[in-house]
Protein backbone atom coordinates (compact mmCIF):
# COMPACT_ATOMS: atom_id res chain seq x y z
CA UNK A 1 0.11 -0.22 0.12
CA UNK A 2 3.04 2.08 0.71
CA UNK A 3 3.92 1.99 -3.00
CA UNK A 4 0.49 3.46 -4.08
CA UNK A 5 0.91 6.20 -1.31
CA UNK A 6 4.15 7.48 -2.43
CA UNK A 7 2.89 7.20 -5.97
CA UNK A 8 5.92 5.29 -7.17
CA UNK A 9 6.02 3.50 -10.44
CA UNK A 10 5.28 0.34 -8.90
CA UNK A 11 1.84 2.06 -7.34
CA UNK A 12 1.10 3.33 -10.75
CA UNK A 13 1.62 -0.02 -12.34
CA UNK A 14 -0.92 -1.67 -9.67
CA UNK A 15 -3.63 1.09 -10.32
CA UNK A 16 -3.41 1.21 -14.00
CA UNK A 17 -3.83 -2.86 -13.52
CA UNK A 18 -6.72 -2.63 -11.55
CA UNK A 19 -8.44 0.21 -13.53
CA UNK A 20 -7.83 -2.09 -16.90
CA UNK A 21 -9.36 -4.86 -14.91
CA UNK A 22 -12.37 -2.87 -14.03
CA UNK A 23 -12.69 -1.22 -17.52
CA UNK A 24 -12.46 -4.81 -19.31
CA UNK A 25 -15.37 -5.76 -16.67
CA UNK A 26 -17.34 -2.87 -17.70
CA UNK A 27 -17.33 -3.49 -21.31
CA UNK A 28 -18.31 -7.14 -20.49
CA UNK A 29 -21.12 -6.42 -19.08
CA UNK A 30 -22.17 -3.37 -21.22
CA UNK A 31 -21.82 -5.74 -24.41
CA UNK A 32 -23.80 -8.60 -22.69
CA UNK A 33 -26.49 -5.87 -21.82
CA UNK A 34 -26.51 -4.82 -25.33
CA UNK A 35 -26.80 -8.17 -26.82
CA UNK A 36 -29.81 -9.03 -24.23
CA UNK A 37 -31.95 -5.74 -24.32
CA UNK A 38 -30.90 -5.00 -27.61
CA UNK A 39 -31.74 -8.09 -29.25
CA UNK A 40 -35.39 -8.02 -28.22
CA UNK A 41 -36.41 -5.24 -30.94
CA UNK A 42 -34.81 -7.48 -33.53
CA UNK A 43 -36.90 -10.43 -32.44
CA UNK A 44 -40.05 -8.50 -32.47
CA UNK A 45 -39.51 -7.70 -36.27
CA UNK A 46 -38.58 -11.19 -36.72
CA UNK A 47 -41.28 -12.44 -35.27
CA UNK A 48 -44.49 -10.36 -35.83
CA UNK A 49 -46.87 -12.57 -34.79
CA UNK A 50 -45.69 -12.20 -31.31
CA UNK A 51 -47.90 -9.16 -31.08
CA UNK A 52 -51.13 -11.44 -31.20
CA UNK A 53 -50.14 -13.25 -28.31
CA UNK A 54 -52.07 -11.61 -25.19
CA UNK A 55 -50.23 -12.12 -21.49
CA UNK A 56 -52.07 -10.66 -18.60
CA UNK A 57 -54.37 -8.65 -21.46
CA UNK A 58 -51.14 -6.90 -23.15
CA UNK A 59 -49.03 -8.18 -26.16
CA UNK A 60 -46.48 -10.33 -25.37
CA UNK A 61 -43.67 -7.99 -26.66
CA UNK A 62 -44.95 -5.44 -24.16
CA UNK A 63 -45.21 -7.97 -21.22
CA UNK A 64 -41.10 -9.03 -22.28
CA UNK A 65 -40.14 -5.26 -22.13
CA UNK A 66 -42.53 -4.38 -19.15
CA UNK A 67 -41.23 -7.58 -16.71
CA UNK A 68 -38.77 -9.38 -18.53
CA UNK A 69 -35.70 -6.94 -18.85
CA UNK A 70 -35.82 -5.87 -15.15
CA UNK A 71 -34.59 -9.54 -14.14
CA UNK A 72 -32.01 -9.12 -16.52
CA UNK A 73 -30.66 -5.91 -15.56
CA UNK A 74 -30.69 -7.25 -11.94
CA UNK A 75 -28.76 -10.11 -12.65
CA UNK A 76 -26.21 -8.36 -14.81
CA UNK A 77 -25.72 -5.53 -11.98
CA UNK A 78 -25.56 -8.29 -9.44
CA UNK A 79 -22.71 -10.08 -11.10
CA UNK A 80 -20.93 -6.96 -12.37
CA UNK A 81 -20.62 -5.98 -8.14
CA UNK A 82 -19.31 -9.47 -7.52
CA UNK A 83 -17.03 -9.64 -10.19
CA UNK A 84 -15.56 -5.75 -9.49
CA UNK A 85 -15.64 -6.68 -5.78
CA UNK A 86 -13.43 -9.43 -6.85
CA UNK A 87 -10.93 -7.54 -8.87
CA UNK A 88 -10.76 -5.13 -6.12
CA UNK A 89 -9.71 -8.01 -3.61
CA UNK A 90 -6.93 -9.65 -5.81
CA UNK A 91 -5.99 -5.93 -6.10
CA UNK A 92 -5.88 -5.60 -2.31
CA UNK A 93 -4.16 -9.04 -2.04
CA UNK A 94 -1.36 -8.12 -4.61
CA UNK A 95 -0.69 -4.74 -2.94
CA UNK A 96 -0.52 -6.34 0.73
CA UNK A 97 2.05 -9.06 -0.49
CA UNK A 98 4.35 -6.73 -1.98
C-alpha cells in the first residue's frame, strides 16, 4: 500500500492494472446488456406474430419489455458488483503481499 501512497512507478502499475480490469469488466457487462436487451427489438421485428399473443391482457412484446428486462438488469448488476469486488480484493491481496 505504501507504493501507492508514495505514487511510485510500482504503485502506478498496480493502479493501472486495476483500472484496466475494471474497464474490461464494464465493457463485458455493457456488451452483454446490449446483446440481451438490444436483441429484443430484432426479435419483435423477426416474429411479428408475437403481437397477437396476449399475456395479462397485453401483447407479449410489451410484457417482455415491462417485466422481462428487469430481472436481466438485476442479474447483470449483481454479477458486475461481484466481479468488481473480486477484482478489488485480488488487487488488495497483491498490494499487501508486495
